[in-house]
Amino acid sequence: MNIPPLLKNTIFIFIALLLLFSLSRNLFEYTDKLEFYSQFQDEVKELKENNKELKTKLKQSQDYYIVEREIRENLNLTKPGEMTVILPAITPTLTPTPTIYKTPPKQWIEVFWNK
């Protein structure tokens, strides 16, 4: 069976284009999946850090002394026989800026000679 060279070249080009199209599509899918994987890894890392923080908060909430300190500071509660002293917030006092006054002779000199 003798296939003409034009038909052979056409079939070869068609198969090459088909393989090239398939390869490019697979590359795009791979980059999308790689991006999804990196986002997923970032999310897992963030969730692990959040989980670690929550576990430490849980352990702190079970500690009697830390719970007592939080109650005293946030709710302003005291033990029987204790007194609470609440101090006002400290406001800074402003110092006035000094104004420089000129002596009368200097003022007259400026009026007459515009210095």
PDB file of N, CA and C in Angstrom:
ATOM      1  N   MET A   1       0.851  -1.159   0.000  1.00  0.00           N
ATOM      2  CA  MET A   1       0.000   0.000   0.000  1.00  0.00           C
ATOM      3  C   MET A   1       0.907   1.235   0.000  1.00  0.00           C
ATOM      4  N   ASN A   2       0.658   2.059  -0.950  1.00  0.00           N
ATOM      5  CA  ASN A   2       1.483   3.229  -1.136  1.00  0.00           C
ATOM      6  C   ASN A   2       0.681   4.479  -0.783  1.00  0.00           C
ATOM      7  N   ILE A   3       1.075   5.170   0.311  1.00  0.00           N
ATOM      8  CA  ILE A   3       0.362   6.382   0.749  1.00  0.00           C
ATOM      9  C   ILE A   3       1.117   7.582   0.188  1.00  0.00           C
ATOM     10  N   PRO A   4       0.374   8.498  -0.454  1.00  0.00           N
ATOM     11  CA  PRO A   4       1.060   9.660  -1.013  1.00  0.00           C
ATOM     12  C   PRO A   4       1.722  10.495   0.101  1.00  0.00           C
ATOM     13  N   PRO A   5       2.857  11.146  -0.183  1.00  0.00           N
ATOM     14  CA  PRO A   5       3.575  11.898   0.830  1.00  0.00           C
ATOM     15  C   PRO A   5       2.769  13.066   1.382  1.00  0.00           C
ATOM     16  N   LEU A   6       1.934  13.705   0.599  1.00  0.00           N
ATOM     17  CA  LEU A   6       1.120  14.823   1.088  1.00  0.00           C
ATOM     18  C   LEU A   6       0.159  14.355   2.171  1.00  0.00           C
ATOM     19  N   LEU A   7      -0.478  13.221   1.961  1.00  0.00           N
ATOM     20  CA  LEU A   7      -1.407  12.665   2.949  1.00  0.00           C
ATOM     21  C   LEU A   7      -0.645  12.237   4.204  1.00  0.00           C
ATOM     22  N   LYS A   8       0.548  11.665   4.015  1.00  0.00           N
ATOM     23  CA  LYS A   8       1.376  11.249   5.144  1.00  0.00           C
ATOM     24  C   LYS A   8       1.762  12.458   6.002  1.00  0.00           C
ATOM     25  N   ASN A   9       2.184  13.523   5.354  1.00  0.00           N
ATOM     26  CA  ASN A   9       2.569  14.746   6.083  1.00  0.00           C
ATOM     27  C   ASN A   9       1.376  15.367   6.798  1.00  0.00           C
ATOM     28  N   THR A  10       0.220  15.359   6.144  1.00  0.00           N
ATOM     29  CA  THR A  10      -0.980  15.922   6.748  1.00  0.00           C
ATOM     30  C   THR A  10      -1.378  15.141   7.993  1.00  0.00           C
ATOM     31  N   ILE A  11      -1.339  13.831   7.921  1.00  0.00           N
ATOM     32  CA  ILE A  11      -1.684  12.991   9.070  1.00  0.00           C
ATOM     33  C   ILE A  11      -0.670  13.212  10.204  1.00  0.00           C
ATOM     34  N   PHE A  12       0.611  13.288   9.835  1.00  0.00           N
ATOM     35  CA  PHE A  12       1.650  13.506  10.831  1.00  0.00           C
ATOM     36  C   PHE A  12       1.460  14.862  11.537  1.00  0.00           C
ATOM     37  N   ILE A  13       1.169  15.919  10.776  1.00  0.00           N
ATOM     38  CA  ILE A  13       0.944  17.247  11.350  1.00  0.00           C
ATOM     39  C   ILE A  13      -0.295  17.246  12.234  1.00  0.00           C
ATOM     40  N   PHE A  14      -1.349  16.569  11.802  1.00  0.00           N
ATOM     41  CA  PHE A  14      -2.581  16.495  12.593  1.00  0.00           C
ATOM     42  C   PHE A  14      -2.331  15.793  13.930  1.00  0.00           C
ATOM     43  N   ILE A  15      -1.589  14.671  13.887  1.00  0.00           N
ATOM     44  CA  ILE A  15      -1.295  13.940  15.126  1.00  0.00           C
ATOM     45  C   ILE A  15      -0.386  14.782  16.028  1.00  0.00           C
ATOM     46  N   ALA A  16       0.589  15.491  15.433  1.00  0.00           N
ATOM     47  CA  ALA A  16       1.481  16.338  16.227  1.00  0.00           C
ATOM     48  C   ALA A  16       0.698  17.464  16.889  1.00  0.00           C
ATOM     49  N   LEU A  17      -0.223  18.111  16.171  1.00  0.00           N
ATOM     50  CA  LEU A  17      -1.040  19.179  16.752  1.00  0.00           C
ATOM     51  C   LEU A  17      -1.943  18.643  17.858  1.00  0.00           C
ATOM     52  N   LEU A  18      -2.480  17.466  17.654  1.00  0.00           N
ATOM     53  CA  LEU A  18      -3.330  16.851  18.675  1.00  0.00           C
ATOM     54  C   LEU A  18      -2.525  16.581  19.946  1.00  0.00           C
ATOM     55  N   LEU A  19      -1.319  16.049  19.799  1.00  0.00           N
ATOM     56  CA  LEU A  19      -0.472  15.780  20.958  1.00  0.00           C
ATOM     57  C   LEU A  19      -0.039  17.085  21.634  1.00  0.00           C
ATOM     58  N   LEU A  20       0.261  18.102  20.839  1.00  0.00           N
ATOM     59  CA  LEU A  20       0.656  19.397  21.387  1.00  0.00           C
ATOM     60  C   LEU A  20      -0.496  20.032  22.158  1.00  0.00           C
ATOM     61  N   PHE A  21      -1.697  19.940  21.615  1.00  0.00           N
ATOM     62  CA  PHE A  21      -2.875  20.470  22.312  1.00  0.00           C
ATOM     63  C   PHE A  21      -3.105  19.738  23.628  1.00  0.00           C
ATOM     64  N   SER A  22      -2.978  18.429  23.611  1.00  0.00           N
ATOM     65  CA  SER A  22      -3.177  17.632  24.819  1.00  0.00           C
ATOM     66  C   SER A  22      -2.118  17.977  25.866  1.00  0.00           C
ATOM     67  N   LEU A  23      -0.882  18.127  25.426  1.00  0.00           N
ATOM     68  CA  LEU A  23       0.193  18.463  26.337  1.00  0.00           C
ATOM     69  C   LEU A  23      -0.028  19.838  26.973  1.00  0.00           C
ATOM     70  N   SER A  24      -0.414  20.820  26.187  1.00  0.00           N
ATOM     71  CA  SER A  24      -0.636  22.161  26.730  1.00  0.00           C
ATOM     72  C   SER A  24      -1.803  22.171  27.715  1.00  0.00           C
ATOM     73  N   ARG A  25      -2.862  21.440  27.397  1.00  0.00           N
ATOM     74  CA  ARG A  25      -3.999  21.361  28.312  1.00  0.00           C
ATOM     75  C   ARG A  25      -3.591  20.716  29.634  1.00  0.00           C
ATOM     76  N   ASN A  26      -2.786  19.663  29.573  1.00  0.00           N
ATOM     77  CA  ASN A  26      -2.315  19.002  30.790  1.00  0.00           C
ATOM     78  C   ASN A  26      -1.413  19.928  31.611  1.00  0.00           C
ATOM     79  N   LEU A  27      -0.594  20.735  30.942  1.00  0.00           N
ATOM     80  CA  LEU A  27       0.253  21.678  31.660  1.00  0.00           C
ATOM     81  C   LEU A  27      -0.576  22.729  32.386  1.00  0.00           C
ATOM     82  N   PHE A  28      -1.607  23.248  31.737  1.00  0.00           N
ATOM     83  CA  PHE A  28      -2.472  24.230  32.395  1.00  0.00           C
ATOM     84  C   PHE A  28      -3.200  23.621  33.581  1.00  0.00           C
ATOM     85  N   GLU A  29      -3.681  22.404  33.435  1.00  0.00           N
ATOM     86  CA  GLU A  29      -4.342  21.734  34.554  1.00  0.00           C
ATOM     87  C   GLU A  29      -3.366  21.500  35.704  1.00  0.00           C
ATOM     88  N   TYR A  30      -2.124  21.155  35.371  1.00  0.00           N
ATOM     89  CA  TYR A  30      -1.116  20.922  36.400  1.00  0.00           C
ATOM     90  C   TYR A  30      -0.818  22.208  37.159  1.00  0.00           C
ATOM     91  N   THR A  31      -0.688  23.335  36.465  1.00  0.00           N
ATOM     92  CA  THR A  31      -0.413  24.596  37.166  1.00  0.00           C
ATOM     93  C   THR A  31      -1.594  24.985  38.048  1.00  0.00           C
ATOM     94  N   ASP A  32      -2.821  24.752  37.584  1.00  0.00           N
ATOM     95  CA  ASP A  32      -3.994  25.047  38.419  1.00  0.00           C
ATOM     96  C   ASP A  32      -3.992  24.188  39.686  1.00  0.00           C
ATOM     97  N   LYS A  33      -3.681  22.900  39.522  1.00  0.00           N
ATOM     98  CA  LYS A  33      -3.665  22.015  40.684  1.00  0.00           C
ATOM     99  C   LYS A  33      -2.521  22.372  41.635  1.00  0.00           C
ATOM    100  N   LEU A  34      -1.403  22.795  41.074  1.00  0.00           N
ATOM    101  CA  LEU A  34      -0.274  23.201  41.908  1.00  0.00           C
ATOM    102  C   LEU A  34      -0.624  24.448  42.717  1.00  0.00           C
ATOM    103  N   GLU A  35      -1.320  25.384  42.098  1.00  0.00           N
ATOM    104  CA  GLU A  35      -1.757  26.591  42.804  1.00  0.00           C
ATOM    105  C   GLU A  35      -2.756  26.240  43.902  1.00  0.00           C
ATOM    106  N   PHE A  36      -3.689  25.343  43.592  1.00  0.00           N
ATOM    107  CA  PHE A  36      -4.663  24.906  44.601  1.00  0.00           C
ATOM    108  C   PHE A  36      -3.950  24.241  45.771  1.00  0.00           C
ATOM    109  N   TYR A  37      -2.941  23.436  45.481  1.00  0.00           N
ATOM    110  CA  TYR A  37      -2.203  22.742  46.524  1.00  0.00           C
ATOM    111  C   TYR A  37      -1.477  23.730  47.441  1.00  0.00           C
ATOM    112  N   SER A  38      -0.854  24.747  46.856  1.00  0.00           N
ATOM    113  CA  SER A  38      -0.138  25.723  47.682  1.00  0.00           C
ATOM    114  C   SER A  38      -1.113  26.523  48.545  1.00  0.00           C
ATOM    115  N   GLN A  39      -2.276  26.874  47.995  1.00  0.00           N
ATOM    116  CA  GLN A  39      -3.288  27.570  48.798  1.00  0.00           C
ATOM    117  C   GLN A  39      -3.785  26.673  49.928  1.00  0.00           C
ATOM    118  N   PHE A  40      -3.964  25.404  49.619  1.00  0.00           N
ATOM    119  CA  PHE A  40      -4.420  24.454  50.621  1.00  0.00           C
ATOM    120  C   PHE A  40      -3.380  24.311  51.729  1.00  0.00           C
ATOM    121  N   GLN A  41      -2.106  24.254  51.373  1.00  0.00           N
ATOM    122  CA  GLN A  41      -1.043  24.153  52.363  1.00  0.00           C
ATOM    123  C   GLN A  41      -1.022  25.389  53.257  1.00  0.00           C
ATOM    124  N   ASP A  42      -1.194  26.578  52.678  1.00  0.00           N
ATOM    125  CA  ASP A  42      -1.233  27.810  53.471  1.00  0.00           C
ATOM    126  C   ASP A  42      -2.400  27.787  54.451  1.00  0.00           C
ATOM    127  N   GLU A  43      -3.537  27.320  53.976  1.00  0.00           N
ATOM    128  CA  GLU A  43      -4.719  27.258  54.838  1.00  0.00           C
ATOM    129  C   GLU A  43      -4.505  26.259  55.975  1.00  0.00           C
ATOM    130  N   VAL A  44      -3.889  25.134  55.680  1.00  0.00           N
ATOM    131  CA  VAL A  44      -3.612  24.131  56.717  1.00  0.00           C
ATOM    132  C   VAL A  44      -2.661  24.710  57.756  1.00  0.00           C
ATOM    133  N   LYS A  45      -1.640  25.412  57.306  1.00  0.00           N
ATOM    134  CA  LYS A  45      -0.682  26.026  58.233  1.00  0.00           C
ATOM    135  C   LYS A  45      -1.380  27.039  59.132  1.00  0.00           C
ATOM    136  N   GLU A  46      -2.240  27.863  58.537  1.00  0.00           N
ATOM    137  CA  GLU A  46      -2.980  28.869  59.305  1.00  0.00           C
ATOM    138  C   GLU A  46      -3.898  28.211  60.329  1.00  0.00           C
ATOM    139  N   LEU A  47      -4.567  27.140  59.924  1.00  0.00           N
ATOM    140  CA  LEU A  47      -5.467  26.442  60.840  1.00  0.00           C
ATOM    141  C   LEU A  47      -4.693  25.765  61.978  1.00  0.00           C
ATOM    142  N   LYS A  48      -3.507  25.252  61.685  1.00  0.00           N
ATOM    143  CA  LYS A  48      -2.703  24.646  62.746  1.00  0.00           C
ATOM    144  C   LYS A  48      -2.279  25.690  63.770  1.00  0.00           C
ATOM    145  N   GLU A  49      -1.894  26.874  63.300  1.00  0.00           N
ATOM    146  CA  GLU A  49      -1.522  27.947  64.225  1.00  0.00           C
ATOM    147  C   GLU A  49      -2.715  28.378  65.070  1.00  0.00           C
ATOM    148  N   ASN A  50      -3.872  28.480  64.433  1.00  0.00           N
ATOM    149  CA  ASN A  50      -5.089  28.845  65.156  1.00  0.00           C
ATOM    150  C   ASN A  50      -5.425  27.780  66.202  1.00  0.00           C
ATOM    151  N   ASN A  51      -5.260  26.516  65.831  1.00  0.00           N
ATOM    152  CA  ASN A  51      -5.532  25.415  66.754  1.00  0.00           C
ATOM    153  C   ASN A  51      -4.587  25.478  67.943  1.00  0.00           C
ATOM    154  N   LYS A  52      -3.327  25.790  67.688  1.00  0.00           N
ATOM    155  CA  LYS A  52      -2.342  25.888  68.769  1.00  0.00           C
ATOM    156  C   LYS A  52      -2.707  27.014  69.732  1.00  0.00           C
ATOM    157  N   GLU A  53      -3.110  28.164  69.187  1.00  0.00           N
ATOM    158  CA  GLU A  53      -3.524  29.287  70.033  1.00  0.00           C
ATOM    159  C   GLU A  53      -4.741  28.927  70.871  1.00  0.00           C
ATOM    160  N   LEU A  54      -5.704  28.247  70.253  1.00  0.00           N
ATOM    161  CA  LEU A  54      -6.907  27.866  70.985  1.00  0.00           C
ATOM    162  C   LEU A  54      -6.594  26.860  72.102  1.00  0.00           C
ATOM    163  N   LYS A  55      -5.663  25.956  71.834  1.00  0.00           N
ATOM    164  CA  LYS A  55      -5.291  24.996  72.883  1.00  0.00           C
ATOM    165  C   LYS A  55      -4.624  25.695  74.060  1.00  0.00           C
ATOM    166  N   THR A  56      -3.771  26.688  73.783  1.00  0.00           N
ATOM    167  CA  THR A  56      -3.142  27.412  74.891  1.00  0.00           C
ATOM    168  C   THR A  56      -4.176  28.215  75.667  1.00  0.00           C
ATOM    169  N   LYS A  57      -5.134  28.808  74.980  1.00  0.00           N
ATOM    170  CA  LYS A  57      -6.197  29.541  75.675  1.00  0.00           C
ATOM    171  C   LYS A  57      -7.036  28.591  76.532  1.00  0.00           C
ATOM    172  N   LEU A  58      -7.267  27.388  76.027  1.00  0.00           N
ATOM    173  CA  LEU A  58      -8.032  26.412  76.800  1.00  0.00           C
ATOM    174  C   LEU A  58      -7.279  26.017  78.065  1.00  0.00           C
ATOM    175  N   LYS A  59      -5.978  25.784  77.948  1.00  0.00           N
ATOM    176  CA  LYS A  59      -5.195  25.439  79.127  1.00  0.00           C
ATOM    177  C   LYS A  59      -5.162  26.594  80.126  1.00  0.00           C
ATOM    178  N   GLN A  60      -5.069  27.823  79.601  1.00  0.00           N
ATOM    179  CA  GLN A  60      -5.058  28.984  80.498  1.00  0.00           C
ATOM    180  C   GLN A  60      -6.404  29.144  81.189  1.00  0.00           C
ATOM    181  N   SER A  61      -7.484  28.848  80.492  1.00  0.00           N
ATOM    182  CA  SER A  61      -8.803  29.016  81.101  1.00  0.00           C
ATOM    183  C   SER A  61      -9.055  27.969  82.181  1.00  0.00           C
ATOM    184  N   GLN A  62      -8.296  26.890  82.161  1.00  0.00           N
ATOM    185  CA  GLN A  62      -8.464  25.868  83.184  1.00  0.00           C
ATOM    186  C   GLN A  62      -7.568  26.126  84.395  1.00  0.00           C
ATOM    187  N   ASP A  63      -6.630  27.065  84.288  1.00  0.00           N
ATOM    188  CA  ASP A  63      -5.741  27.394  85.405  1.00  0.00           C
ATOM    189  C   ASP A  63      -6.466  28.360  86.348  1.00  0.00           C
ATOM    190  N   TYR A  64      -6.517  28.002  87.630  1.00  0.00           N
ATOM    191  CA  TYR A  64      -7.276  28.775  88.621  1.00  0.00           C
ATOM    192  C   TYR A  64      -6.739  30.192  88.764  1.00  0.00           C
ATOM    193  N   TYR A  65      -5.427  30.352  88.816  1.00  0.00           N
ATOM    194  CA  TYR A  65      -4.836  31.666  89.064  1.00  0.00           C
ATOM    195  C   TYR A  65      -5.046  32.620  87.885  1.00  0.00           C
ATOM    196  N   ILE A  66      -4.976  32.095  86.699  1.00  0.00           N
ATOM    197  CA  ILE A  66      -5.197  32.948  85.519  1.00  0.00           C
ATOM    198  C   ILE A  66      -6.662  33.370  85.447  1.00  0.00           C
ATOM    199  N   VAL A  67      -7.572  32.444  85.768  1.00  0.00           N
ATOM    200  CA  VAL A  67      -9.001  32.781  85.766  1.00  0.00           C
ATOM    201  C   VAL A  67      -9.286  33.843  86.825  1.00  0.00           C
ATOM    202  N   GLU A  68      -8.681  33.692  87.996  1.00  0.00           N
ATOM    203  CA  GLU A  68      -8.885  34.673  89.061  1.00  0.00           C
ATOM    204  C   GLU A  68      -8.358  36.047  88.649  1.00  0.00           C
ATOM    205  N   ARG A  69      -7.185  36.090  88.018  1.00  0.00           N
ATOM    206  CA  ARG A  69      -6.612  37.370  87.569  1.00  0.00           C
ATOM    207  C   ARG A  69      -7.516  38.038  86.520  1.00  0.00           C
ATOM    208  N   GLU A  70      -8.041  37.250  85.588  1.00  0.00           N
ATOM    209  CA  GLU A  70      -8.938  37.802  84.562  1.00  0.00           C
ATOM    210  C   GLU A  70     -10.211  38.362  85.196  1.00  0.00           C
ATOM    211  N   ILE A  71     -10.747  37.647  86.174  1.00  0.00           N
ATOM    212  CA  ILE A  71     -11.961  38.120  86.852  1.00  0.00           C
ATOM    213  C   ILE A  71     -11.674  39.423  87.579  1.00  0.00           C
ATOM    214  N   ARG A  72     -10.548  39.498  88.272  1.00  0.00           N
ATOM    215  CA  ARG A  72     -10.204  40.709  89.016  1.00  0.00           C
ATOM    216  C   ARG A  72      -9.979  41.899  88.076  1.00  0.00           C
ATOM    217  N   GLU A  73      -9.260  41.668  86.961  1.00  0.00           N
ATOM    218  CA  GLU A  73      -8.929  42.773  86.061  1.00  0.00           C
ATOM    219  C   GLU A  73     -10.117  43.225  85.217  1.00  0.00           C
ATOM    220  N   ASN A  74     -10.834  42.288  84.648  1.00  0.00           N
ATOM    221  CA  ASN A  74     -11.887  42.657  83.690  1.00  0.00           C
ATOM    222  C   ASN A  74     -13.225  42.970  84.346  1.00  0.00           C
ATOM    223  N   LEU A  75     -13.568  42.238  85.387  1.00  0.00           N
ATOM    224  CA  LEU A  75     -14.872  42.438  86.015  1.00  0.00           C
ATOM    225  C   LEU A  75     -14.801  43.293  87.273  1.00  0.00           C
ATOM    226  N   ASN A  76     -13.594  43.679  87.681  1.00  0.00           N
ATOM    227  CA  ASN A  76     -13.385  44.500  88.879  1.00  0.00           C
ATOM    228  C   ASN A  76     -14.025  43.880  90.123  1.00  0.00           C
ATOM    229  N   LEU A  77     -13.911  42.573  90.229  1.00  0.00           N
ATOM    230  CA  LEU A  77     -14.428  41.887  91.414  1.00  0.00           C
ATOM    231  C   LEU A  77     -13.310  41.713  92.430  1.00  0.00           C
ATOM    232  N   THR A  78     -13.680  41.678  93.698  1.00  0.00           N
ATOM    233  CA  THR A  78     -12.689  41.529  94.764  1.00  0.00           C
ATOM    234  C   THR A  78     -13.090  40.388  95.681  1.00  0.00           C
ATOM    235  N   LYS A  79     -12.121  39.977  96.460  1.00  0.00           N
ATOM    236  CA  LYS A  79     -12.400  38.968  97.475  1.00  0.00           C
ATOM    237  C   LYS A  79     -13.039  39.667  98.669  1.00  0.00           C
ATOM    238  N   PRO A  80     -13.744  38.939  99.525  1.00  0.00           N
ATOM    239  CA  PRO A  80     -14.325  39.566 100.714  1.00  0.00           C
ATOM    240  C   PRO A  80     -13.227  40.168 101.578  1.00  0.00           C
ATOM    241  N   GLY A  81     -13.450  41.417 102.007  1.00  0.00           N
ATOM    242  CA  GLY A  81     -12.502  42.115 102.856  1.00  0.00           C
ATOM    243  C   GLY A  81     -11.499  42.967 102.097  1.00  0.00           C
ATOM    244  N   GLU A  82     -11.484  42.898 100.772  1.00  0.00           N
ATOM    245  CA  GLU A  82     -10.569  43.717  99.979  1.00  0.00           C
ATOM    246  C   GLU A  82     -11.258  44.996  99.530  1.00  0.00           C
ATOM    247  N   MET A  83     -10.445  46.028  99.288  1.00  0.00           N
ATOM    248  CA  MET A  83     -10.985  47.290  98.779  1.00  0.00           C
ATOM    249  C   MET A  83     -10.403  47.534  97.394  1.00  0.00           C
ATOM    250  N   THR A  84     -11.212  48.100  96.536  1.00  0.00           N
ATOM    251  CA  THR A  84     -10.765  48.416  95.186  1.00  0.00           C
ATOM    252  C   THR A  84     -10.502  49.900  95.076  1.00  0.00           C
ATOM    253  N   VAL A  85      -9.352  50.249  94.519  1.00  0.00           N
ATOM    254  CA  VAL A  85      -9.003  51.651  94.307  1.00  0.00           C
ATOM    255  C   VAL A  85      -8.898  51.863  92.801  1.00  0.00           C
ATOM    256  N   ILE A  86      -9.717  52.754  92.290  1.00  0.00           N
ATOM    257  CA  ILE A  86      -9.699  53.060  90.862  1.00  0.00           C
ATOM    258  C   ILE A  86      -9.117  54.454  90.696  1.00  0.00           C
ATOM    259  N   LEU A  87      -8.003  54.537  89.983  1.00  0.00           N
ATOM    260  CA  LEU A  87      -7.328  55.806  89.765  1.00  0.00           C
ATOM    261  C   LEU A  87      -7.748  56.394  88.427  1.00  0.00           C
ATOM    262  N   PRO A  88      -7.907  57.713  88.370  1.00  0.00           N
ATOM    263  CA  PRO A  88      -8.266  58.316  87.079  1.00  0.00           C
ATOM    264  C   PRO A  88      -7.087  58.240  86.113  1.00  0.00           C
ATOM    265  N   ALA A  89      -7.393  58.326  84.834  1.00  0.00           N
ATOM    266  CA  ALA A  89      -6.345  58.293  83.822  1.00  0.00           C
ATOM    267  C   ALA A  89      -5.489  59.544  83.922  1.00  0.00           C
ATOM    268  N   ILE A  90      -4.227  59.383  83.714  1.00  0.00           N
ATOM    269  CA  ILE A  90      -3.293  60.503  83.809  1.00  0.00           C
ATOM    270  C   ILE A  90      -3.351  61.296  82.513  1.00  0.00           C
ATOM    271  N   THR A  91      -3.586  62.605  82.671  1.00  0.00           N
ATOM    272  CA  THR A  91      -3.599  63.473  81.492  1.00  0.00           C
ATOM    273  C   THR A  91      -2.375  64.369  81.560  1.00  0.00           C
ATOM    274  N   PRO A  92      -1.661  64.489  80.494  1.00  0.00           N
ATOM    275  CA  PRO A  92      -0.469  65.337  80.527  1.00  0.00           C
ATOM    276  C   PRO A  92      -0.855  66.813  80.580  1.00  0.00           C
ATOM    277  N   THR A  93      -0.085  67.589  81.345  1.00  0.00           N
ATOM    278  CA  THR A  93      -0.342  69.025  81.425  1.00  0.00           C
ATOM    279  C   THR A  93       0.516  69.725  80.384  1.00  0.00           C
ATOM    280  N   LEU A  94      -0.079  70.660  79.702  1.00  0.00           N
ATOM    281  CA  LEU A  94       0.636  71.388  78.666  1.00  0.00           C
ATOM    282  C   LEU A  94       1.319  72.607  79.265  1.00  0.00           C
ATOM    283  N   THR A  95       2.543  72.830  78.872  1.00  0.00           N
ATOM    284  CA  THR A  95       3.265  74.016  79.336  1.00  0.00           C
ATOM    285  C   THR A  95       3.134  75.093  78.278  1.00  0.00           C
ATOM    286  N   PRO A  96       2.807  76.289  78.681  1.00  0.00           N
ATOM    287  CA  PRO A  96       2.635  77.355  77.686  1.00  0.00           C
ATOM    288  C   PRO A  96       3.980  77.752  77.080  1.00  0.00           C
ATOM    289  N   THR A  97       3.932  78.141  75.812  1.00  0.00           N
ATOM    290  CA  THR A  97       5.162  78.590  75.166  1.00  0.00           C
ATOM    291  C   THR A  97       5.397  80.058  75.531  1.00  0.00           C
ATOM    292  N   PRO A  98       6.609  80.396  75.883  1.00  0.00           N
ATOM    293  CA  PRO A  98       6.882  81.783  76.286  1.00  0.00           C
ATOM    294  C   PRO A  98       6.865  82.719  75.070  1.00  0.00           C
ATOM    295  N   THR A  99       6.282  83.897  75.267  1.00  0.00           N
ATOM    296  CA  THR A  99       6.299  84.913  74.217  1.00  0.00           C
ATOM    297  C   THR A  99       7.367  85.935  74.555  1.00  0.00           C
ATOM    298  N   ILE A 100       8.095  86.309  73.550  1.00  0.00           N
ATOM    299  CA  ILE A 100       9.203  87.243  73.752  1.00  0.00           C
ATOM    300  C   ILE A 100       8.692  88.664  73.482  1.00  0.00           C
ATOM    301  N   TYR A 101       8.844  89.511  74.508  1.00  0.00           N
ATOM    302  CA  TYR A 101       8.445  90.914  74.378  1.00  0.00           C
ATOM    303  C   TYR A 101       9.689  91.765  74.147  1.00  0.00           C
ATOM    304  N   LYS A 102       9.553  92.726  73.225  1.00  0.00           N
ATOM    305  CA  LYS A 102      10.668  93.625  72.941  1.00  0.00           C
ATOM    306  C   LYS A 102      10.552  94.862  73.839  1.00  0.00           C
ATOM    307  N   THR A 103      11.672  95.385  74.143  1.00  0.00           N
ATOM    308  CA  THR A 103      11.678  96.593  74.978  1.00  0.00           C
ATOM    309  C   THR A 103      11.141  97.768  74.155  1.00  0.00           C
ATOM    310  N   PRO A 104      10.575  98.761  74.813  1.00  0.00           N
ATOM    311  CA  PRO A 104      10.020  99.900  74.066  1.00  0.00           C
ATOM    312  C   PRO A 104      11.013 100.588  73.130  1.00  0.00           C
ATOM    313  N   PRO A 105      12.279 100.796  73.518  1.00  0.00           N
ATOM    314  CA  PRO A 105      13.184 101.435  72.552  1.00  0.00           C
ATOM    315  C   PRO A 105      13.363 100.615  71.268  1.00  0.00           C
ATOM    316  N   LYS A 106      13.429  99.284  71.392  1.00  0.00           N
ATOM    317  CA  LYS A 106      13.569  98.446  70.193  1.00  0.00           C
ATOM    318  C   LYS A 106      12.319  98.529  69.329  1.00  0.00           C
ATOM    319  N   GLN A 107      11.156  98.614  69.962  1.00  0.00           N
ATOM    320  CA  GLN A 107       9.912  98.734  69.193  1.00  0.00           C
ATOM    321  C   GLN A 107       9.901 100.051  68.416  1.00  0.00           C
ATOM    322  N   TRP A 108      10.361 101.171  69.040  1.00  0.00           N
ATOM    323  CA  TRP A 108      10.394 102.465  68.343  1.00  0.00           C
ATOM    324  C   TRP A 108      11.395 102.440  67.189  1.00  0.00           C
ATOM    325  N   ILE A 109      12.503 101.775  67.384  1.00  0.00           N
ATOM    326  CA  ILE A 109      13.509 101.686  66.310  1.00  0.00           C
ATOM    327  C   ILE A 109      12.918 100.940  65.126  1.00  0.00           C
ATOM    328  N   GLU A 110      12.185  99.871  65.392  1.00  0.00           N
ATOM    329  CA  GLU A 110      11.562  99.118  64.296  1.00  0.00           C
ATOM    330  C   GLU A 110      10.513  99.940  63.586  1.00  0.00           C
ATOM    331  N   VAL A 111       9.769 100.768  64.311  1.00  0.00           N
ATOM    332  CA  VAL A 111       8.726 101.589  63.696  1.00  0.00           C
ATOM    333  C   VAL A 111       9.362 102.634  62.761  1.00  0.00           C
ATOM    334  N   PHE A 112      10.423 103.312  63.206  1.00  0.00           N
ATOM    335  CA  PHE A 112      10.992 104.415  62.408  1.00  0.00           C
ATOM    336  C   PHE A 112      11.966 103.925  61.323  1.00  0.00           C
ATOM    337  N   TRP A 113      12.730 102.896  61.592  1.00  0.00           N
ATOM    338  CA  TRP A 113      13.736 102.467  60.616  1.00  0.00           C
ATOM    339  C   TRP A 113      13.393 101.139  59.942  1.00  0.00           C
ATOM    340  N   ASN A 114      12.251 100.590  60.198  1.00  0.00           N
ATOM    341  CA  ASN A 114      11.748  99.349  59.564  1.00  0.00           C
ATOM    342  C   ASN A 114      12.766  98.211  59.601  1.00  0.00           C
ATOM    343  N   LYS A 115      13.296  97.977  60.730  1.00  0.00           N
ATOM    344  CA  LYS A 115      14.237  96.867  60.848  1.00  0.00           C
ATOM    345  C   LYS A 115      13.561  95.660  61.409  1.00  0.00           C
TER     346      LYS A 115
END
